């Protein structure tokens, strides 16, 4: 079981990434949510993989959100995950909200969740069925496209 660390106050990318990590990379992952200025120190101390924070490999890079960076790093080329990545990208990066029509709904859900649920681990628990459903939707859309 690996440890993964990111900034506290999870919204779009910091909820989508743990879903991706557990489902496709590290099923036993343990997530640490810490103040932004402590991510790299906690990663070093805990031997954790840092994501979605300033200056880390698995963060925003080359116009990609962290979810997309993780897909690229781990070679996850599943067409459904690529579709889901476009939705997450649009929801996470305000300037790209129109990237996918579903992005606006995911952004609204994520921001609303952040308003009513303070604990980041609880956000992950509550949002997992949503991401499972979005992935299933993306799989069905990928089949229709081929």
Foldseek 3Di string as FASTA:
>chain_A
DAEEEEAALDFQLNLVQVLCCCVPNNVPYDYYHHHLVCQVVCCVVRVHQYACGPPHQQADDPLAGSLVSVCVVVVPPPQLSVVVRQLSSLLPDVVNVVSDPNNVVSVVVRVVCSVPDRDPVVVNVVCSVVVVVSSVVSVVVVVVVD
